[in-house]
């Protein structure tokens, strides 16, 4: 029987050879991604536009990449639970975040978080949800100038319904109050249904909301659309003038969603996922389905999405500090 003597030189050579081989193994793992189930973390519960659009994209990713992409809903804390989950996940490409607009305002509203911005990296921007300024058809005002004049005539100003402190509808309302020189009070509600009930009853003056849930009320003549808080008119409801057209160029806000990954995720995996997101969003059938959910495709690369997030963070942080807003 042949015997082998392991010398110090042989052992060191074996270790060195293993170290040299590791980068190749890592590269192979990156090339093989995805080789198992991928978790897509949604910061909201089932049924909303974030969840529905993510499930639509997850199905498309699965078909094209021949691997299972599942959606996990982790709602709560103004999206911070989902953000934290992915920020502390392994950077292997198998846990990804479908990030939403509150990501850019969380630190300004809540102070120190359980994660840092450096813990996550942008992958691709996906969609936006334009916000429409809505009033009741029974309100004593019918146009934006009349709404502003009404607010100035009241000692306490205007009341705005929103889905929560620091939400995009709330912040857009604060921008309008500031630029119109009118007092305003944000009244948070749990979901659109409660906001609409109060709006119809005349207990709040207006709200900023996504289109799909409000559309039945608009079509039945119960709600009037005064404008859209977008730089350009929305293809979802082009008859609504922008607030910019009506003298408020700074009042622009929208819900938005995109993909982020732990910052330790290899560039090769980020690039592959970015390409897949952009490919899926270019599909006409996907675009049509997203439009039906009141969403507009805003496909963007990792670099473009990163710049967008930086701009959003700077813009809203300044407003939050100016208005003295605090998260709940």
Protein backbone atom coordinates (compact mmCIF):
# COMPACT_ATOMS: atom_id res chain seq x y z
CA UNK A 1 0.00 0.00 0.00
CA UNK A 2 1.33 3.37 -0.96
CA UNK A 3 1.74 5.89 1.90
CA UNK A 4 1.74 9.65 1.62
CA UNK A 5 3.66 12.04 3.84
CA UNK A 6 2.09 15.47 4.22
CA UNK A 7 4.85 18.02 4.60
CA UNK A 8 4.43 21.66 5.64
CA UNK A 9 5.29 22.73 2.08
CA UNK A 10 2.65 20.37 0.63
CA UNK A 11 0.02 21.64 3.06
CA UNK A 12 0.74 25.30 2.32
CA UNK A 13 0.66 24.58 -1.41
CA UNK A 14 -2.73 22.89 -1.09
CA UNK A 15 -4.15 25.83 0.87
CA UNK A 16 -2.79 28.31 -1.64
CA UNK A 17 -4.26 26.32 -4.50
CA UNK A 18 -7.63 26.33 -2.76
CA UNK A 19 -7.50 30.08 -2.31
CA UNK A 20 -6.75 30.58 -5.98
CA UNK A 21 -9.66 28.34 -6.89
CA UNK A 22 -12.20 30.20 -4.75
CA UNK A 23 -12.69 33.17 -7.10
CA UNK A 24 -13.48 30.76 -9.90
CA UNK A 25 -16.07 29.01 -7.77
CA UNK A 26 -17.60 32.36 -6.83
CA UNK A 27 -17.71 33.43 -10.46
CA UNK A 28 -19.41 30.16 -11.37
CA UNK A 29 -22.06 30.75 -8.68
CA UNK A 30 -22.69 34.22 -10.07
CA UNK A 31 -22.94 32.90 -13.62
CA UNK A 32 -25.38 30.21 -12.48
CA UNK A 33 -27.73 32.64 -10.74
CA UNK A 34 -30.54 31.89 -10.19
CA UNK A 35 -30.04 28.21 -9.41
CA UNK A 36 -32.72 28.04 -6.68
CA UNK A 37 -35.78 29.87 -5.39
CA UNK A 38 -35.52 33.69 -5.18
CA UNK A 39 -37.43 35.63 -2.49
CA UNK A 40 -38.86 39.01 -3.50
CA UNK A 41 -39.76 41.02 -0.40
CA UNK A 42 -42.74 43.38 -0.63
CA UNK A 43 -43.05 46.12 2.03
CA UNK A 44 -46.85 46.07 1.84
CA UNK A 45 -49.61 43.52 2.36
CA UNK A 46 -51.34 41.55 -0.39
CA UNK A 47 -53.67 43.24 -2.86
CA UNK A 48 -52.17 46.68 -3.32
CA UNK A 49 -50.39 48.01 -6.39
CA UNK A 50 -46.97 47.16 -4.94
CA UNK A 51 -47.94 43.54 -4.32
CA UNK A 52 -49.87 43.07 -7.56
CA UNK A 53 -47.14 44.56 -9.77
CA UNK A 54 -44.44 42.54 -8.01
CA UNK A 55 -46.34 39.28 -8.51
CA UNK A 56 -46.78 40.13 -12.18
CA UNK A 57 -43.04 40.72 -12.57
CA UNK A 58 -42.13 37.68 -10.46
CA UNK A 59 -44.14 35.46 -12.79
CA UNK A 60 -42.38 36.97 -15.80
CA UNK A 61 -38.94 36.51 -14.21
CA UNK A 62 -39.74 32.88 -13.47
CA UNK A 63 -40.78 32.15 -17.04
CA UNK A 64 -37.70 33.75 -18.53
CA UNK A 65 -35.06 32.59 -16.03
CA UNK A 66 -36.61 29.15 -15.45
CA UNK A 67 -36.52 29.46 -11.69
CA UNK A 68 -39.11 30.16 -9.01
CA UNK A 69 -39.50 33.75 -7.81
CA UNK A 70 -41.83 34.03 -4.82
CA UNK A 71 -43.30 37.15 -3.21
CA UNK A 72 -43.09 37.51 0.57
CA UNK A 73 -45.18 40.29 2.11
CA UNK A 74 -43.56 41.97 5.10
CA UNK A 75 -45.74 45.02 5.78
CA UNK A 76 -45.44 47.43 8.65
CA UNK A 77 -43.45 50.32 10.12
CA UNK A 78 -43.77 52.42 7.00
CA UNK A 79 -41.92 49.79 4.87
CA UNK A 80 -39.00 49.64 7.33
CA UNK A 81 -39.57 45.98 8.24
CA UNK A 82 -39.10 44.85 4.65
CA UNK A 83 -36.16 47.19 4.14
CA UNK A 84 -34.45 45.81 7.24
CA UNK A 85 -35.09 42.20 6.19
CA UNK A 86 -33.23 42.62 2.91
CA UNK A 87 -30.54 44.94 4.30
CA UNK A 88 -29.45 42.13 6.63
CA UNK A 89 -29.92 39.24 4.18
CA UNK A 90 -26.97 37.42 2.55
CA UNK A 91 -25.73 39.16 -0.59
CA UNK A 92 -26.21 36.12 -2.80
CA UNK A 93 -29.03 37.36 -5.05
CA UNK A 94 -31.69 35.17 -3.45
CA UNK A 95 -33.34 37.83 -1.25
CA UNK A 96 -34.33 41.05 -3.02
CA UNK A 97 -36.44 44.07 -2.09
CA UNK A 98 -39.25 45.65 -4.10
CA UNK A 99 -38.60 49.02 -2.51
CA UNK A 100 -41.22 51.76 -2.25
CA UNK A 101 -41.17 55.56 -1.93
CA UNK A 102 -41.07 55.71 1.92
CA UNK A 103 -37.53 54.33 1.73
CA UNK A 104 -36.35 57.83 0.79
CA UNK A 105 -38.06 59.53 3.74
CA UNK A 106 -37.64 57.01 6.56
CA UNK A 107 -34.50 58.45 8.14
CA UNK A 108 -35.74 62.05 8.04
CA UNK A 109 -39.04 61.03 9.64
CA UNK A 110 -37.91 58.43 12.16
CA UNK A 111 -34.26 59.21 12.90
CA UNK A 112 -31.80 56.37 13.33
CA UNK A 113 -32.96 53.16 11.63
CA UNK A 114 -32.09 49.50 12.16
CA UNK A 115 -30.33 49.53 8.78
CA UNK A 116 -28.29 52.07 6.85
CA UNK A 117 -28.56 53.20 3.24
CA UNK A 118 -25.15 51.67 2.58
CA UNK A 119 -26.61 48.23 3.40
CA UNK A 120 -28.69 48.22 0.19
CA UNK A 121 -27.85 48.90 -3.43
CA UNK A 122 -30.19 49.83 -6.30
CA UNK A 123 -30.81 47.26 -9.02
CA UNK A 124 -33.45 48.80 -11.30
CA UNK A 125 -36.36 51.23 -11.17
CA UNK A 126 -39.68 49.76 -12.23
CA UNK A 127 -42.86 51.86 -12.02
CA UNK A 128 -44.50 54.97 -10.59
CA UNK A 129 -48.02 55.56 -9.31
CA UNK A 130 -49.14 59.12 -10.19
CA UNK A 131 -51.10 60.98 -7.53
CA UNK A 132 -54.31 62.77 -8.45
CA UNK A 133 -55.81 65.65 -6.47
CA UNK A 134 -59.41 64.65 -5.72
CA UNK A 135 -62.36 66.48 -4.15
CA UNK A 136 -66.01 65.61 -3.57
CA UNK A 137 -68.45 66.75 -6.25
CA UNK A 138 -70.54 68.19 -3.41
CA UNK A 139 -67.73 70.43 -2.11
CA UNK A 140 -68.27 74.21 -2.21
CA UNK A 141 -65.30 74.55 -4.59
CA UNK A 142 -64.83 73.02 -8.03
CA UNK A 143 -61.36 74.14 -9.17
CA UNK A 144 -57.89 74.31 -7.65
CA UNK A 145 -57.95 78.14 -7.29
CA UNK A 146 -61.31 77.85 -5.56
CA UNK A 147 -59.94 75.16 -3.22
CA UNK A 148 -56.99 77.38 -2.27
CA UNK A 149 -59.25 80.42 -1.77
CA UNK A 150 -61.54 78.30 0.41
CA UNK A 151 -58.61 77.22 2.55
CA UNK A 152 -57.43 80.80 2.99
CA UNK A 153 -60.90 81.84 4.09
CA UNK A 154 -60.92 79.34 6.96
CA UNK A 155 -58.96 80.00 10.18
CA UNK A 156 -57.68 76.42 10.27
CA UNK A 157 -57.08 76.12 6.53
CA UNK A 158 -57.59 72.94 4.52
CA UNK A 159 -57.91 69.34 5.65
CA UNK A 160 -56.25 66.64 3.55
CA UNK A 161 -56.76 62.89 3.85
CA UNK A 162 -53.70 60.66 3.43
CA UNK A 163 -52.68 57.04 4.03
CA UNK A 164 -50.29 58.10 6.78
CA UNK A 165 -47.75 60.60 8.05
CA UNK A 166 -44.81 60.79 5.68
CA UNK A 167 -46.61 59.04 2.83
CA UNK A 168 -46.25 60.51 -0.65
CA UNK A 169 -49.85 61.89 -0.62
CA UNK A 170 -49.12 63.55 2.73
CA UNK A 171 -45.84 65.09 1.56
CA UNK A 172 -47.36 66.28 -1.73
CA UNK A 173 -50.15 67.91 0.28
CA UNK A 174 -47.56 69.66 2.46
CA UNK A 175 -45.86 70.98 -0.68
CA UNK A 176 -49.17 72.35 -1.91
CA UNK A 177 -49.90 74.01 1.44
CA UNK A 178 -46.47 75.64 1.42
CA UNK A 179 -46.49 76.86 -2.16
CA UNK A 180 -50.11 78.04 -2.02
CA UNK A 181 -49.52 79.90 1.22
CA UNK A 182 -52.42 78.17 2.94
CA UNK A 183 -52.69 76.39 6.28
CA UNK A 184 -53.24 72.66 6.06
CA UNK A 185 -53.89 69.68 8.29
CA UNK A 186 -53.00 66.14 7.26
CA UNK A 187 -55.48 63.54 8.54
CA UNK A 188 -54.14 59.97 8.18
CA UNK A 189 -56.47 57.05 7.48
CA UNK A 190 -55.99 53.32 7.08
CA UNK A 191 -56.43 52.86 3.37
CA UNK A 192 -58.27 54.63 0.59
CA UNK A 193 -61.75 53.44 1.54
CA UNK A 194 -61.77 55.35 4.83
CA UNK A 195 -60.37 58.47 3.14
CA UNK A 196 -63.07 58.37 0.49
CA UNK A 197 -65.82 57.95 3.08
CA UNK A 198 -64.65 61.10 4.88
CA UNK A 199 -64.25 62.98 1.60
CA UNK A 200 -67.78 62.12 0.48
CA UNK A 201 -69.15 63.13 3.88
CA UNK A 202 -67.46 66.52 3.63
CA UNK A 203 -65.33 65.97 6.72
CA UNK A 204 -62.09 66.45 4.75
CA UNK A 205 -61.57 68.85 1.88
CA UNK A 206 -59.36 66.89 -0.51
CA UNK A 207 -56.94 64.02 -0.95
CA UNK A 208 -54.14 62.94 -3.25
CA UNK A 209 -54.57 59.37 -4.38
CA UNK A 210 -53.69 56.79 -7.01
CA UNK A 211 -56.22 56.47 -9.81
CA UNK A 212 -57.57 52.88 -9.82
CA UNK A 213 -59.38 52.99 -6.46
CA UNK A 214 -60.77 56.47 -7.12
CA UNK A 215 -61.84 55.85 -10.71
CA UNK A 216 -65.30 54.34 -9.96
CA UNK A 217 -66.14 57.42 -7.89
CA UNK A 218 -64.88 59.71 -10.66
CA UNK A 219 -66.87 57.88 -13.32
CA UNK A 220 -70.04 57.99 -11.20
CA UNK A 221 -69.67 61.75 -10.72
CA UNK A 222 -69.03 61.58 -6.97
CA UNK A 223 -65.43 62.82 -7.20
CA UNK A 224 -63.83 65.60 -9.25
CA UNK A 225 -60.19 65.46 -10.33
CA UNK A 226 -58.50 68.84 -9.93
CA UNK A 227 -55.09 67.80 -11.23
CA UNK A 228 -52.17 65.39 -11.14
CA UNK A 229 -48.98 65.90 -9.12
CA UNK A 230 -46.67 64.93 -11.98
CA UNK A 231 -44.29 66.95 -14.16
CA UNK A 232 -46.37 65.95 -17.20
CA UNK A 233 -49.96 64.85 -17.67
CA UNK A 234 -50.53 61.20 -16.98
CA UNK A 235 -51.51 58.86 -19.78
CA UNK A 236 -53.76 57.17 -17.20
CA UNK A 237 -56.04 60.22 -17.10
CA UNK A 238 -54.74 62.81 -19.58
CA UNK A 239 -57.67 65.21 -19.11
CA UNK A 240 -56.33 66.06 -15.64
CA UNK A 241 -54.00 69.09 -15.84
CA UNK A 242 -50.78 68.99 -13.87
CA UNK A 243 -50.47 71.11 -10.74
CA UNK A 244 -47.48 72.67 -12.48
CA UNK A 245 -49.77 73.91 -15.25
CA UNK A 246 -51.93 75.52 -12.58
CA UNK A 247 -49.15 77.55 -11.00
CA UNK A 248 -47.51 75.05 -8.64
CA UNK A 249 -44.33 73.85 -10.39
CA UNK A 250 -42.79 72.34 -7.25
CA UNK A 251 -45.77 70.17 -6.31
CA UNK A 252 -44.70 66.90 -7.90
CA UNK A 253 -44.86 63.54 -6.16
CA UNK A 254 -45.69 59.94 -6.94
CA UNK A 255 -45.54 56.53 -5.43
CA UNK A 256 -42.70 54.48 -6.91
CA UNK A 257 -41.30 50.97 -6.83
CA UNK A 258 -38.06 49.36 -7.86
CA UNK A 259 -35.62 46.61 -6.97
CA UNK A 260 -32.80 46.71 -4.45
CA UNK A 261 -30.38 44.09 -3.15
CA UNK A 262 -28.02 43.76 -0.20
CA UNK A 263 -24.94 45.87 -0.86
CA UNK A 264 -22.72 42.77 -0.77
CA UNK A 265 -24.49 41.24 -3.78
CA UNK A 266 -21.97 40.67 -6.62
CA UNK A 267 -22.10 43.07 -9.54
CA UNK A 268 -22.64 40.21 -12.00
CA UNK A 269 -25.90 39.22 -10.27
CA UNK A 270 -27.07 42.83 -10.03
CA UNK A 271 -26.39 43.32 -13.74
CA UNK A 272 -28.27 40.14 -14.63
CA UNK A 273 -31.30 41.11 -12.58
CA UNK A 274 -31.22 44.67 -13.92
CA UNK A 275 -31.30 43.32 -17.47
CA UNK A 276 -34.20 41.02 -16.59
CA UNK A 277 -36.24 43.83 -15.01
CA UNK A 278 -35.71 46.11 -18.02
CA UNK A 279 -36.59 43.27 -20.41
CA UNK A 280 -39.81 42.46 -18.55
CA UNK A 281 -40.91 46.10 -18.38
CA UNK A 282 -40.45 46.44 -22.15
CA UNK A 283 -42.99 43.66 -22.82
CA UNK A 284 -46.25 45.19 -24.15
CA UNK A 285 -48.42 42.74 -22.22
CA UNK A 286 -46.64 43.60 -18.98
CA UNK A 287 -47.05 47.33 -19.66
CA UNK A 288 -50.76 46.87 -20.30
CA UNK A 289 -51.27 44.93 -17.08
CA UNK A 290 -49.36 47.52 -15.06
CA UNK A 291 -51.41 50.33 -16.62
CA UNK A 292 -54.57 48.52 -15.53
CA UNK A 293 -53.25 48.83 -11.97
CA UNK A 294 -52.79 52.59 -12.30
CA UNK A 295 -49.04 52.34 -12.75
CA UNK A 296 -46.73 53.86 -15.34
CA UNK A 297 -43.56 52.07 -16.40
CA UNK A 298 -40.43 54.02 -15.44
CA UNK A 299 -37.70 51.53 -16.23
CA UNK A 300 -34.26 52.65 -15.10
CA UNK A 301 -30.81 51.18 -14.64
CA UNK A 302 -29.17 50.73 -11.25
CA UNK A 303 -27.25 53.97 -11.71
CA UNK A 304 -30.37 55.89 -12.75
CA UNK A 305 -32.37 54.45 -9.88
CA UNK A 306 -29.63 55.33 -7.41
CA UNK A 307 -29.61 58.93 -8.60
CA UNK A 308 -33.42 59.04 -8.44
CA UNK A 309 -33.39 57.82 -4.82
CA UNK A 310 -30.73 60.40 -3.91
CA UNK A 311 -32.83 63.18 -5.44
CA UNK A 312 -36.00 61.99 -3.68
CA UNK A 313 -34.18 61.76 -0.35
CA UNK A 314 -32.77 65.29 -0.63
CA UNK A 315 -36.09 66.78 -1.75
CA UNK A 316 -38.27 65.23 0.92
CA UNK A 317 -35.74 65.54 3.75
CA UNK A 318 -35.69 69.31 3.20
CA UNK A 319 -39.50 69.49 3.27
CA UNK A 320 -39.81 67.22 6.32
CA UNK A 321 -37.38 69.38 8.29
CA UNK A 322 -38.97 72.63 7.11
CA UNK A 323 -42.45 71.45 8.08
CA UNK A 324 -41.26 69.85 11.32
CA UNK A 325 -42.82 66.50 10.43
CA UNK A 326 -42.27 63.38 12.52
CA UNK A 327 -43.10 59.76 11.73
CA UNK A 328 -45.68 57.89 13.76
